[in-house]
Full PDB file with SEQRES, HELIX, SHEET, SSBOND, CRYST1, ORIGX, SCALE, CONECT and MASTER records, all heavy atoms in Angstrom:
SEQRES   1 A   38  ILE CYS ILE ILE ALA ILE HIS THR TYR PRO PHE ALA SER          
SEQRES   2 A   38  ILE ASN PRO PHE ILE ASP TYR ALA LEU THR ARG VAL LEU          
SEQRES   3 A   38  PHE ARG ILE CYS VAL PRO ILE PHE LEU MET ILE THR              
HELIX    1 AA1 CYS A    2  THR A    8  1                                   7    
HELIX    2 AA2 PRO A   16  ASP A   19  1                                   4    
HELIX    3 AA3 TYR A   20  LEU A   26  3                                   7    
HELIX    4 AA4 PHE A   27  ILE A   29  5                                   3    
HELIX    5 AA5 CYS A   30  ILE A   37  1                                   8    
CRYST1    1.000    1.000    1.000  90.00  90.00  90.00 P 1           1          
ORIGX1      1.000000  0.000000  0.000000        0.00000                         
ORIGX2      0.000000  1.000000  0.000000        0.00000                         
ORIGX3      0.000000  0.000000  1.000000        0.00000                         
SCALE1      1.000000  0.000000  0.000000        0.00000                         
SCALE2      0.000000  1.000000  0.000000        0.00000                         
SCALE3      0.000000  0.000000  1.000000        0.00000                         
ATOM      1  N   ILE A   1     -95.218 -20.700  88.810  1.00  0.00           N  
ATOM      2  CA  ILE A   1     -93.915 -20.042  88.968  1.00  0.00           C  
ATOM      3  C   ILE A   1     -94.053 -18.810  89.860  1.00  0.00           C  
ATOM      4  O   ILE A   1     -93.207 -18.556  90.726  1.00  0.00           O  
ATOM      5  CB  ILE A   1     -93.327 -19.678  87.588  1.00  0.00           C  
ATOM      6  CG1 ILE A   1     -92.957 -20.953  86.841  1.00  0.00           C  
ATOM      7  CG2 ILE A   1     -92.102 -18.779  87.731  1.00  0.00           C  
ATOM      8  CD1 ILE A   1     -92.560 -20.746  85.408  1.00  0.00           C  
ATOM      9  N   CYS A   2     -95.129 -18.061  89.697  1.00  0.00           N  
ATOM     10  CA  CYS A   2     -95.371 -16.894  90.553  1.00  0.00           C  
ATOM     11  C   CYS A   2     -95.582 -17.314  92.005  1.00  0.00           C  
ATOM     12  O   CYS A   2     -95.119 -16.640  92.930  1.00  0.00           O  
ATOM     13  CB  CYS A   2     -96.572 -16.101  90.053  1.00  0.00           C  
ATOM     14  SG  CYS A   2     -96.328 -15.323  88.459  1.00  0.00           S  
ATOM     15  N   ILE A   3     -96.254 -18.430  92.223  1.00  0.00           N  
ATOM     16  CA  ILE A   3     -96.484 -18.923  93.584  1.00  0.00           C  
ATOM     17  C   ILE A   3     -95.162 -19.351  94.218  1.00  0.00           C  
ATOM     18  O   ILE A   3     -94.924 -19.090  95.395  1.00  0.00           O  
ATOM     19  CB  ILE A   3     -97.513 -20.072  93.575  1.00  0.00           C  
ATOM     20  CG1 ILE A   3     -98.887 -19.517  93.192  1.00  0.00           C  
ATOM     21  CG2 ILE A   3     -97.578 -20.768  94.931  1.00  0.00           C  
ATOM     22  CD1 ILE A   3     -99.920 -20.571  92.868  1.00  0.00           C  
ATOM     23  N   ILE A   4     -94.285 -19.958  93.442  1.00  0.00           N  
ATOM     24  CA  ILE A   4     -92.955 -20.298  93.956  1.00  0.00           C  
ATOM     25  C   ILE A   4     -92.204 -19.026  94.322  1.00  0.00           C  
ATOM     26  O   ILE A   4     -91.527 -18.965  95.356  1.00  0.00           O  
ATOM     27  CB  ILE A   4     -92.180 -21.142  92.923  1.00  0.00           C  
ATOM     28  CG1 ILE A   4     -92.822 -22.509  92.777  1.00  0.00           C  
ATOM     29  CG2 ILE A   4     -90.708 -21.275  93.313  1.00  0.00           C  
ATOM     30  CD1 ILE A   4     -92.316 -23.316  91.600  1.00  0.00           C  
ATOM     31  N   ALA A   5     -92.335 -17.996  93.503  1.00  0.00           N  
ATOM     32  CA  ALA A   5     -91.667 -16.725  93.781  1.00  0.00           C  
ATOM     33  C   ALA A   5     -92.164 -16.099  95.083  1.00  0.00           C  
ATOM     34  O   ALA A   5     -91.390 -15.460  95.797  1.00  0.00           O  
ATOM     35  CB  ALA A   5     -91.870 -15.755  92.616  1.00  0.00           C  
ATOM     36  N   ILE A   6     -93.437 -16.292  95.420  1.00  0.00           N  
ATOM     37  CA  ILE A   6     -93.974 -15.771  96.682  1.00  0.00           C  
ATOM     38  C   ILE A   6     -93.187 -16.337  97.857  1.00  0.00           C  
ATOM     39  O   ILE A   6     -92.925 -15.646  98.832  1.00  0.00           O  
ATOM     40  CB  ILE A   6     -95.477 -16.118  96.818  1.00  0.00           C  
ATOM     41  CG1 ILE A   6     -96.300 -15.302  95.828  1.00  0.00           C  
ATOM     42  CG2 ILE A   6     -95.970 -15.868  98.239  1.00  0.00           C  
ATOM     43  CD1 ILE A   6     -97.758 -15.746  95.739  1.00  0.00           C  
ATOM     44  N   HIS A   7     -92.775 -17.591  97.746  1.00  0.00           N  
ATOM     45  CA  HIS A   7     -92.101 -18.270  98.847  1.00  0.00           C  
ATOM     46  C   HIS A   7     -90.586 -18.134  98.832  1.00  0.00           C  
ATOM     47  O   HIS A   7     -89.932 -18.447  99.821  1.00  0.00           O  
ATOM     48  CB  HIS A   7     -92.471 -19.749  98.847  1.00  0.00           C  
ATOM     49  CG  HIS A   7     -93.925 -19.978  99.062  1.00  0.00           C  
ATOM     50  ND1 HIS A   7     -94.527 -19.811 100.285  1.00  0.00           N  
ATOM     51  CD2 HIS A   7     -94.902 -20.350  98.201  1.00  0.00           C  
ATOM     52  CE1 HIS A   7     -95.815 -20.072 100.173  1.00  0.00           C  
ATOM     53  NE2 HIS A   7     -96.074 -20.399  98.915  1.00  0.00           N  
ATOM     54  N   THR A   8     -90.011 -17.664  97.726  1.00  0.00           N  
ATOM     55  CA  THR A   8     -88.546 -17.614  97.622  1.00  0.00           C  
ATOM     56  C   THR A   8     -87.966 -16.208  97.554  1.00  0.00           C  
ATOM     57  O   THR A   8     -86.748 -16.064  97.626  1.00  0.00           O  
ATOM     58  CB  THR A   8     -88.078 -18.399  96.383  1.00  0.00           C  
ATOM     59  OG1 THR A   8     -88.673 -17.830  95.211  1.00  0.00           O  
ATOM     60  CG2 THR A   8     -88.421 -19.873  96.503  1.00  0.00           C  
ATOM     61  N   TYR A   9     -88.778 -15.194  97.408  1.00  0.00           N  
ATOM     62  CA  TYR A   9     -88.325 -13.792  97.348  1.00  0.00           C  
ATOM     63  C   TYR A   9     -87.189 -13.606  96.332  1.00  0.00           C  
ATOM     64  O   TYR A   9     -86.089 -13.215  96.686  1.00  0.00           O  
ATOM     65  CB  TYR A   9     -87.881 -13.299  98.727  1.00  0.00           C  
ATOM     66  CG  TYR A   9     -88.878 -13.570  99.812  1.00  0.00           C  
ATOM     67  CD1 TYR A   9     -88.675 -14.592 100.739  1.00  0.00           C  
ATOM     68  CD2 TYR A   9     -90.038 -12.824  99.891  1.00  0.00           C  
ATOM     69  CE1 TYR A   9     -89.605 -14.842 101.737  1.00  0.00           C  
ATOM     70  CE2 TYR A   9     -90.971 -13.074 100.894  1.00  0.00           C  
ATOM     71  CZ  TYR A   9     -90.747 -14.081 101.802  1.00  0.00           C  
ATOM     72  OH  TYR A   9     -91.663 -14.338 102.779  1.00  0.00           O  
ATOM     73  N   PRO A  10     -87.416 -13.864  95.065  1.00  0.00           N  
ATOM     74  CA  PRO A  10     -86.334 -13.870  94.079  1.00  0.00           C  
ATOM     75  C   PRO A  10     -85.721 -12.505  93.776  1.00  0.00           C  
ATOM     76  O   PRO A  10     -84.587 -12.434  93.310  1.00  0.00           O  
ATOM     77  CB  PRO A  10     -87.003 -14.438  92.836  1.00  0.00           C  
ATOM     78  CG  PRO A  10     -88.434 -14.068  92.985  1.00  0.00           C  
ATOM     79  CD  PRO A  10     -88.711 -14.140  94.458  1.00  0.00           C  
ATOM     80  N   PHE A  11     -86.449 -11.436  94.056  1.00  0.00           N  
ATOM     81  CA  PHE A  11     -85.935 -10.105  93.718  1.00  0.00           C  
ATOM     82  C   PHE A  11     -85.431  -9.337  94.936  1.00  0.00           C  
ATOM     83  O   PHE A  11     -85.090  -8.157  94.825  1.00  0.00           O  
ATOM     84  CB  PHE A  11     -87.029  -9.286  93.016  1.00  0.00           C  
ATOM     85  CG  PHE A  11     -87.630 -10.000  91.836  1.00  0.00           C  
ATOM     86  CD1 PHE A  11     -88.921 -10.498  91.886  1.00  0.00           C  
ATOM     87  CD2 PHE A  11     -86.890 -10.203  90.682  1.00  0.00           C  
ATOM     88  CE1 PHE A  11     -89.476 -11.170  90.814  1.00  0.00           C  
ATOM     89  CE2 PHE A  11     -87.438 -10.872  89.601  1.00  0.00           C  
ATOM     90  CZ  PHE A  11     -88.732 -11.359  89.663  1.00  0.00           C  
ATOM     91  N   ALA A  12     -85.371  -9.979  96.086  1.00  0.00           N  
ATOM     92  CA  ALA A  12     -84.984  -9.301  97.325  1.00  0.00           C  
ATOM     93  C   ALA A  12     -83.565  -8.755  97.268  1.00  0.00           C  
ATOM     94  O   ALA A  12     -83.289  -7.679  97.792  1.00  0.00           O  
ATOM     95  CB  ALA A  12     -85.142 -10.230  98.516  1.00  0.00           C  
ATOM     96  N   SER A  13     -82.656  -9.488  96.634  1.00  0.00           N  
ATOM     97  CA  SER A  13     -81.273  -9.019  96.561  1.00  0.00           C  
ATOM     98  C   SER A  13     -81.092  -7.916  95.520  1.00  0.00           C  
ATOM     99  O   SER A  13     -80.150  -7.136  95.599  1.00  0.00           O  
ATOM    100  CB  SER A  13     -80.329 -10.177  96.255  1.00  0.00           C  
ATOM    101  OG  SER A  13     -80.653 -10.741  94.998  1.00  0.00           O  
ATOM    102  N   ILE A  14     -82.008  -7.832  94.575  1.00  0.00           N  
ATOM    103  CA  ILE A  14     -81.912  -6.808  93.531  1.00  0.00           C  
ATOM    104  C   ILE A  14     -82.498  -5.491  94.025  1.00  0.00           C  
ATOM    105  O   ILE A  14     -81.840  -4.456  94.002  1.00  0.00           O  
ATOM    106  CB  ILE A  14     -82.640  -7.265  92.249  1.00  0.00           C  
ATOM    107  CG1 ILE A  14     -81.993  -8.541  91.710  1.00  0.00           C  
ATOM    108  CG2 ILE A  14     -82.638  -6.169  91.194  1.00  0.00           C  
ATOM    109  CD1 ILE A  14     -82.796  -9.222  90.630  1.00  0.00           C  
ATOM    110  N   ASN A  15     -83.764  -5.562  94.456  1.00  0.00           N  
ATOM    111  CA  ASN A  15     -84.442  -4.371  94.957  1.00  0.00           C  
ATOM    112  C   ASN A  15     -85.567  -4.819  95.884  1.00  0.00           C  
ATOM    113  O   ASN A  15     -86.545  -5.423  95.423  1.00  0.00           O  
ATOM    114  CB  ASN A  15     -85.002  -3.560  93.777  1.00  0.00           C  
ATOM    115  CG  ASN A  15     -85.588  -2.236  94.195  1.00  0.00           C  
ATOM    116  OD1 ASN A  15     -86.101  -2.076  95.303  1.00  0.00           O  
ATOM    117  ND2 ASN A  15     -85.514  -1.273  93.292  1.00  0.00           N  
ATOM    118  N   PRO A  16     -85.471  -4.508  97.163  1.00  0.00           N  
ATOM    119  CA  PRO A  16     -86.501  -4.947  98.110  1.00  0.00           C  
ATOM    120  C   PRO A  16     -87.901  -4.433  97.785  1.00  0.00           C  
ATOM    121  O   PRO A  16     -88.884  -5.129  97.992  1.00  0.00           O  
ATOM    122  CB  PRO A  16     -86.012  -4.408  99.452  1.00  0.00           C  
ATOM    123  CG  PRO A  16     -84.556  -4.206  99.282  1.00  0.00           C  
ATOM    124  CD  PRO A  16     -84.348  -3.869  97.839  1.00  0.00           C  
ATOM    125  N   PHE A  17     -88.002  -3.218  97.260  1.00  0.00           N  
ATOM    126  CA  PHE A  17     -89.317  -2.674  96.931  1.00  0.00           C  
ATOM    127  C   PHE A  17     -89.954  -3.443  95.779  1.00  0.00           C  
ATOM    128  O   PHE A  17     -91.146  -3.765  95.815  1.00  0.00           O  
ATOM    129  CB  PHE A  17     -89.234  -1.183  96.578  1.00  0.00           C  
ATOM    130  CG  PHE A  17     -90.563  -0.626  96.169  1.00  0.00           C  
ATOM    131  CD1 PHE A  17     -91.540  -0.365  97.121  1.00  0.00           C  
ATOM    132  CD2 PHE A  17     -90.863  -0.397  94.835  1.00  0.00           C  
ATOM    133  CE1 PHE A  17     -92.788   0.122  96.758  1.00  0.00           C  
ATOM    134  CE2 PHE A  17     -92.097   0.095  94.457  1.00  0.00           C  
ATOM    135  CZ  PHE A  17     -93.058   0.359  95.416  1.00  0.00           C  
ATOM    136  N   ILE A  18     -89.163  -3.748  94.744  1.00  0.00           N  
ATOM    137  CA  ILE A  18     -89.685  -4.503  93.612  1.00  0.00           C  
ATOM    138  C   ILE A  18     -90.108  -5.899  94.075  1.00  0.00           C  
ATOM    139  O   ILE A  18     -91.164  -6.407  93.674  1.00  0.00           O  
ATOM    140  CB  ILE A  18     -88.642  -4.599  92.474  1.00  0.00           C  
ATOM    141  CG1 ILE A  18     -88.465  -3.229  91.827  1.00  0.00           C  
ATOM    142  CG2 ILE A  18     -89.041  -5.638  91.435  1.00  0.00           C  
ATOM    143  CD1 ILE A  18     -87.361  -3.161  90.793  1.00  0.00           C  
ATOM    144  N   ASP A  19     -89.292  -6.506  94.934  1.00  0.00           N  
ATOM    145  CA  ASP A  19     -89.645  -7.818  95.460  1.00  0.00           C  
ATOM    146  C   ASP A  19     -90.954  -7.766  96.228  1.00  0.00           C  
ATOM    147  O   ASP A  19     -91.815  -8.615  96.054  1.00  0.00           O  
ATOM    148  CB  ASP A  19     -88.516  -8.331  96.366  1.00  0.00           C  
ATOM    149  CG  ASP A  19     -88.774  -9.740  96.817  1.00  0.00           C  
ATOM    150  OD1 ASP A  19     -88.746 -10.641  95.955  1.00  0.00           O  
ATOM    151  OD2 ASP A  19     -89.023  -9.945  98.014  1.00  0.00           O  
ATOM    152  N   TYR A  20     -91.111  -6.758  97.069  1.00  0.00           N  
ATOM    153  CA  TYR A  20     -92.349  -6.612  97.830  1.00  0.00           C  
ATOM    154  C   TYR A  20     -93.535  -6.377  96.896  1.00  0.00           C  
ATOM    155  O   TYR A  20     -94.589  -6.997  97.052  1.00  0.00           O  
ATOM    156  CB  TYR A  20     -92.229  -5.459  98.827  1.00  0.00           C  
ATOM    157  CG  TYR A  20     -93.468  -5.237  99.629  1.00  0.00           C  
ATOM    158  CD1 TYR A  20     -93.728  -5.999 100.758  1.00  0.00           C  
ATOM    159  CD2 TYR A  20     -94.411  -4.282  99.259  1.00  0.00           C  
ATOM    160  CE1 TYR A  20     -94.874  -5.826 101.504  1.00  0.00           C  
ATOM    161  CE2 TYR A  20     -95.567  -4.095  99.989  1.00  0.00           C  
ATOM    162  CZ  TYR A  20     -95.789  -4.862 101.108  1.00  0.00           C  
ATOM    163  OH  TYR A  20     -96.938  -4.690 101.839  1.00  0.00           O  
ATOM    164  N   ALA A  21     -93.365  -5.493  95.930  1.00  0.00           N  
ATOM    165  CA  ALA A  21     -94.465  -5.160  95.020  1.00  0.00           C  
ATOM    166  C   ALA A  21     -94.905  -6.373  94.192  1.00  0.00           C  
ATOM    167  O   ALA A  21     -96.105  -6.569  93.975  1.00  0.00           O  
ATOM    168  CB  ALA A  21     -94.052  -4.012  94.096  1.00  0.00           C  
ATOM    169  N   LEU A  22     -93.947  -7.169  93.770  1.00  0.00           N  
ATOM    170  CA  LEU A  22     -94.302  -8.335  92.959  1.00  0.00           C  
ATOM    171  C   LEU A  22     -94.803  -9.499  93.805  1.00  0.00           C  
ATOM    172  O   LEU A  22     -95.895 -10.018  93.564  1.00  0.00           O  
ATOM    173  CB  LEU A  22     -93.100  -8.778  92.124  1.00  0.00           C  
ATOM    174  CG  LEU A  22     -92.723  -7.853  90.977  1.00  0.00           C  
ATOM    175  CD1 LEU A  22     -91.452  -8.332  90.285  1.00  0.00           C  
ATOM    176  CD2 LEU A  22     -93.841  -7.747  89.962  1.00  0.00           C  
ATOM    177  N   THR A  23     -94.003  -9.914  94.797  1.00  0.00           N  
ATOM    178  CA  THR A  23     -94.353 -11.128  95.523  1.00  0.00           C  
ATOM    179  C   THR A  23     -95.442 -10.932  96.558  1.00  0.00           C  
ATOM    180  O   THR A  23     -96.226 -11.843  96.809  1.00  0.00           O  
ATOM    181  CB  THR A  23     -93.114 -11.742  96.207  1.00  0.00           C  
ATOM    182  OG1 THR A  23     -92.574 -10.808  97.134  1.00  0.00           O  
ATOM    183  CG2 THR A  23     -92.075 -12.130  95.188  1.00  0.00           C  
ATOM    184  N   ARG A  24     -95.518  -9.777  97.174  1.00  0.00           N  
ATOM    185  CA  ARG A  24     -96.516  -9.559  98.222  1.00  0.00           C  
ATOM    186  C   ARG A  24     -97.794  -8.899  97.715  1.00  0.00           C  
ATOM    187  O   ARG A  24     -98.815  -8.919  98.396  1.00  0.00           O  
ATOM    188  CB  ARG A  24     -95.936  -8.685  99.343  1.00  0.00           C  
ATOM    189  CG  ARG A  24     -94.775  -9.281 100.043  1.00  0.00           C  
ATOM    190  CD  ARG A  24     -95.233 -10.393 100.904  1.00  0.00           C  
ATOM    191  NE  ARG A  24     -94.112 -10.949 101.638  1.00  0.00           N  
ATOM    192  CZ  ARG A  24     -94.211 -11.979 102.413  1.00  0.00           C  
ATOM    193  NH1 ARG A  24     -95.354 -12.573 102.576  1.00  0.00           N  
ATOM    194  NH2 ARG A  24     -93.166 -12.455 103.026  1.00  0.00           N  
ATOM    195  N   VAL A  25     -97.747  -8.319  96.527  1.00  0.00           N  
ATOM    196  CA  VAL A  25     -98.934  -7.632  96.004  1.00  0.00           C  
ATOM    197  C   VAL A  25     -99.425  -8.295  94.720  1.00  0.00           C  
ATOM    198  O   VAL A  25    -100.504  -8.892  94.694  1.00  0.00           O  
ATOM    199  CB  VAL A  25     -98.637  -6.131  95.769  1.00  0.00           C  
ATOM    200  CG1 VAL A  25     -99.858  -5.424  95.208  1.00  0.00           C  
ATOM    201  CG2 VAL A  25     -98.165  -5.458  97.055  1.00  0.00           C  
ATOM    202  N   LEU A  26     -98.650  -8.229  93.671  1.00  0.00           N  
ATOM    203  CA  LEU A  26     -99.111  -8.683  92.353  1.00  0.00           C  
ATOM    204  C   LEU A  26     -99.269 -10.204  92.269  1.00  0.00           C  
ATOM    205  O   LEU A  26    -100.295 -10.696  91.792  1.00  0.00           O  
ATOM    206  CB  LEU A  26     -98.134  -8.202  91.277  1.00  0.00           C  
ATOM    207  CG  LEU A  26     -98.531  -8.489  89.838  1.00  0.00           C  
ATOM    208  CD1 LEU A  26     -99.830  -7.769  89.498  1.00  0.00           C  
ATOM    209  CD2 LEU A  26     -97.439  -8.053  88.897  1.00  0.00           C  
ATOM    210  N   PHE A  27     -98.280 -10.948  92.742  1.00  0.00           N  
ATOM    211  CA  PHE A  27     -98.328 -12.407  92.607  1.00  0.00           C  
ATOM    212  C   PHE A  27     -99.360 -13.045  93.526  1.00  0.00           C  
ATOM    213  O   PHE A  27     -99.713 -14.199  93.335  1.00  0.00           O  
ATOM    214  CB  PHE A  27     -96.960 -13.025  92.865  1.00  0.00           C  
ATOM    215  CG  PHE A  27     -95.931 -12.743  91.800  1.00  0.00           C  
ATOM    216  CD1 PHE A  27     -94.610 -13.094  91.991  1.00  0.00           C  
ATOM    217  CD2 PHE A  27     -96.265 -12.121  90.608  1.00  0.00           C  
ATOM    218  CE1 PHE A  27     -93.654 -12.836  91.025  1.00  0.00           C  
ATOM    219  CE2 PHE A  27     -95.323 -11.855  89.634  1.00  0.00           C  
ATOM    220  CZ  PHE A  27     -94.001 -12.219  89.846  1.00  0.00           C  
ATOM    221  N   ARG A  28     -99.856 -12.327  94.511  1.00  0.00           N  
ATOM    222  CA  ARG A  28    -100.844 -12.901  95.428  1.00  0.00           C  
ATOM    223  C   ARG A  28    -102.152 -13.275  94.729  1.00  0.00           C  
ATOM    224  O   ARG A  28    -102.862 -14.153  95.177  1.00  0.00           O  
ATOM    225  CB  ARG A  28    -101.154 -11.936  96.583  1.00  0.00           C  
ATOM    226  CG  ARG A  28    -100.016 -11.729  97.520  1.00  0.00           C  
ATOM    227  CD  ARG A  28     -99.780 -12.972  98.325  1.00  0.00           C  
ATOM    228  NE  ARG A  28     -98.555 -12.831  99.100  1.00  0.00           N  
ATOM    229  CZ  ARG A  28     -98.168 -13.675 100.012  1.00  0.00           C  
ATOM    230  NH1 ARG A  28     -98.901 -14.717 100.280  1.00  0.00           N  
ATOM    231  NH2 ARG A  28     -97.050 -13.496 100.646  1.00  0.00           N  
ATOM    232  N   ILE A  29    -102.449 -12.644  93.631  1.00  0.00           N  
ATOM    233  CA  ILE A  29    -103.659 -12.959  92.889  1.00  0.00           C  
ATOM    234  C   ILE A  29    -103.534 -14.319  92.186  1.00  0.00           C  
ATOM    235  O   ILE A  29    -104.533 -14.962  91.862  1.00  0.00           O  
ATOM    236  CB  ILE A  29    -104.009 -11.839  91.878  1.00  0.00           C  
ATOM    237  CG1 ILE A  29    -105.412 -12.015  91.314  1.00  0.00           C  
ATOM    238  CG2 ILE A  29    -103.009 -11.797  90.749  1.00  0.00           C  
ATOM    239  CD1 ILE A  29    -106.496 -11.809  92.308  1.00  0.00           C  
ATOM    240  N   CYS A  30    -102.304 -14.789  92.016  1.00  0.00           N  
ATOM    241  CA  CYS A  30    -102.070 -16.057  91.316  1.00  0.00           C  
ATOM    242  C   CYS A  30    -102.605 -17.261  92.085  1.00  0.00           C  
ATOM    243  O   CYS A  30    -103.057 -18.227  91.467  1.00  0.00           O  
ATOM    244  CB  CYS A  30    -100.577 -16.243  91.054  1.00  0.00           C  
ATOM    245  SG  CYS A  30     -99.900 -15.001  89.951  1.00  0.00           S  
ATOM    246  N   VAL A  31    -102.547 -17.222  93.411  1.00  0.00           N  
ATOM    247  CA  VAL A  31    -102.994 -18.370  94.205  1.00  0.00           C  
ATOM    248  C   VAL A  31    -104.482 -18.651  93.990  1.00  0.00           C  
ATOM    249  O   VAL A  31    -104.847 -19.779  93.631  1.00  0.00           O  
ATOM    250  CB  VAL A  31    -102.655 -18.175  95.695  1.00  0.00           C  
ATOM    251  CG1 VAL A  31    -103.227 -19.298  96.534  1.00  0.00           C  
ATOM    252  CG2 VAL A  31    -101.155 -18.069  95.888  1.00  0.00           C  
ATOM    253  N   PRO A  32    -105.383 -17.676  94.164  1.00  0.00           N  
ATOM    254  CA  PRO A  32    -106.794 -17.994  93.946  1.00  0.00           C  
ATOM    255  C   PRO A  32    -107.120 -18.358  92.496  1.00  0.00           C  
ATOM    256  O   PRO A  32    -107.942 -19.246  92.251  1.00  0.00           O  
ATOM    257  CB  PRO A  32    -107.547 -16.739  94.375  1.00  0.00           C  
ATOM    258  CG  PRO A  32    -106.557 -15.730  94.754  1.00  0.00           C  
ATOM    259  CD  PRO A  32    -105.207 -16.342  94.705  1.00  0.00           C  
ATOM    260  N   ILE A  33    -106.460 -17.727  91.545  1.00  0.00           N  
ATOM    261  CA  ILE A  33    -106.732 -18.047  90.147  1.00  0.00           C  
ATOM    262  C   ILE A  33    -106.242 -19.456  89.828  1.00  0.00           C  
ATOM    263  O   ILE A  33    -106.914 -20.226  89.142  1.00  0.00           O  
ATOM    264  CB  ILE A  33    -106.109 -17.001  89.200  1.00  0.00           C  
ATOM    265  CG1 ILE A  33    -106.826 -15.650  89.385  1.00  0.00           C  
ATOM    266  CG2 ILE A  33    -106.192 -17.456  87.752  1.00  0.00           C  
ATOM    267  CD1 ILE A  33    -106.218 -14.519  88.616  1.00  0.00           C  
ATOM    268  N   PHE A  34    -105.061 -19.827  90.357  1.00  0.00           N  
ATOM    269  CA  PHE A  34    -104.551 -21.185  90.177  1.00  0.00           C  
ATOM    270  C   PHE A  34    -105.541 -22.198  90.741  1.00  0.00           C  
ATOM    271  O   PHE A  34    -105.842 -23.209  90.112  1.00  0.00           O  
ATOM    272  CB  PHE A  34    -103.191 -21.312  90.872  1.00  0.00           C  
ATOM    273  CG  PHE A  34    -102.559 -22.658  90.732  1.00  0.00           C  
ATOM    274  CD1 PHE A  34    -101.769 -22.948  89.641  1.00  0.00           C  
ATOM    275  CD2 PHE A  34    -102.757 -23.641  91.687  1.00  0.00           C  
ATOM    276  CE1 PHE A  34    -101.177 -24.199  89.499  1.00  0.00           C  
ATOM    277  CE2 PHE A  34    -102.177 -24.890  91.565  1.00  0.00           C  
ATOM    278  CZ  PHE A  34    -101.388 -25.167  90.466  1.00  0.00           C  
ATOM    279  N   LEU A  35    -106.079 -21.930  91.922  1.00  0.00           N  
ATOM    280  CA  LEU A  35    -107.051 -22.834  92.532  1.00  0.00           C  
ATOM    281  C   LEU A  35    -108.353 -22.894  91.727  1.00  0.00           C  
ATOM    282  O   LEU A  35    -108.967 -23.961  91.614  1.00  0.00           O  
ATOM    283  CB  LEU A  35    -107.330 -22.423  93.970  1.00  0.00           C  
ATOM    284  CG  LEU A  35    -106.163 -22.630  94.940  1.00  0.00           C  
ATOM    285  CD1 LEU A  35    -106.509 -22.042  96.301  1.00  0.00           C  
ATOM    286  CD2 LEU A  35    -105.788 -24.081  95.050  1.00  0.00           C  
ATOM    287  N   MET A  36    -108.775 -21.777  91.172  1.00  0.00           N  
ATOM    288  CA  MET A  36    -109.995 -21.775  90.360  1.00  0.00           C  
ATOM    289  C   MET A  36    -109.823 -22.593  89.085  1.00  0.00           C  
ATOM    290  O   MET A  36    -110.719 -23.349  88.700  1.00  0.00           O  
ATOM    291  CB  MET A  36    -110.404 -20.346  90.011  1.00  0.00           C  
ATOM    292  CG  MET A  36    -111.038 -19.609  91.163  1.00  0.00           C  
ATOM    293  SD  MET A  36    -111.727 -18.018  90.696  1.00  0.00           S  
ATOM    294  CE  MET A  36    -110.280 -17.012  90.578  1.00  0.00           C  
ATOM    295  N   ILE A  37    -108.671 -22.466  88.436  1.00  0.00           N  
ATOM    296  CA  ILE A  37    -108.422 -23.232  87.214  1.00  0.00           C  
ATOM    297  C   ILE A  37    -108.358 -24.721  87.539  1.00  0.00           C  
ATOM    298  O   ILE A  37    -108.935 -25.555  86.831  1.00  0.00           O  
ATOM    299  CB  ILE A  37    -107.129 -22.755  86.516  1.00  0.00           C  
ATOM    300  CG1 ILE A  37    -107.326 -21.336  85.975  1.00  0.00           C  
ATOM    301  CG2 ILE A  37    -106.747 -23.700  85.381  1.00  0.00           C  
ATOM    302  CD1 ILE A  37    -106.065 -20.695  85.449  1.00  0.00           C  
ATOM    303  N   THR A  38    -107.668 -25.068  88.620  1.00  0.00           N  
ATOM    304  CA  THR A  38    -107.602 -26.467  89.044  1.00  0.00           C  
ATOM    305  C   THR A  38    -109.000 -26.982  89.382  1.00  0.00           C  
ATOM    306  O   THR A  38    -109.367 -28.100  89.009  1.00  0.00           O  
ATOM    307  CB  THR A  38    -106.663 -26.617  90.248  1.00  0.00           C  
ATOM    308  OG1 THR A  38    -105.369 -26.124  89.892  1.00  0.00           O  
ATOM    309  CG2 THR A  38    -106.548 -28.068  90.684  1.00  0.00           C  
TER     310      THR A  38                                                      
MASTER        0    0    0    5    0    0    0    6  309    1    0    3          
END                                                                             
């Protein structure tokens, strides 16, 4: 779900800074961890 959020910018209309902080910073760690678990 976090990886989908990286591609859809779900918080951009609410607050651009929050969207950037979550999708471009925090959620980026999800991709390598998802690949490691797989």
